[in-house]
């Protein structure tokens, strides 16, 4: 009788705890970026991103910043706007 109860308790614990360990993770599987400086000095950027999102850490997309201040070969600081 005790063994049947123990087996039942273990089955219930397994039933409730197994999904917690098998839950999917938020993960970036692939990030590929290509930036091309065009003849008119504009920048063309292509990004390919494959992610798994659960809404825990990644909630509203993926953000990135482009530098807008550069040092020219002459040593002068150049600022560009987007």
Foldseek 3Di string as FASTA:
>chain_A
DVVVVVVVVVVVCCVPCVCVVVDDDWDWPDWDKDWDQDPVRDIDMDIDTDIDDPCPPDPPDDDDDDDQWDQDPVRDIGGDDD
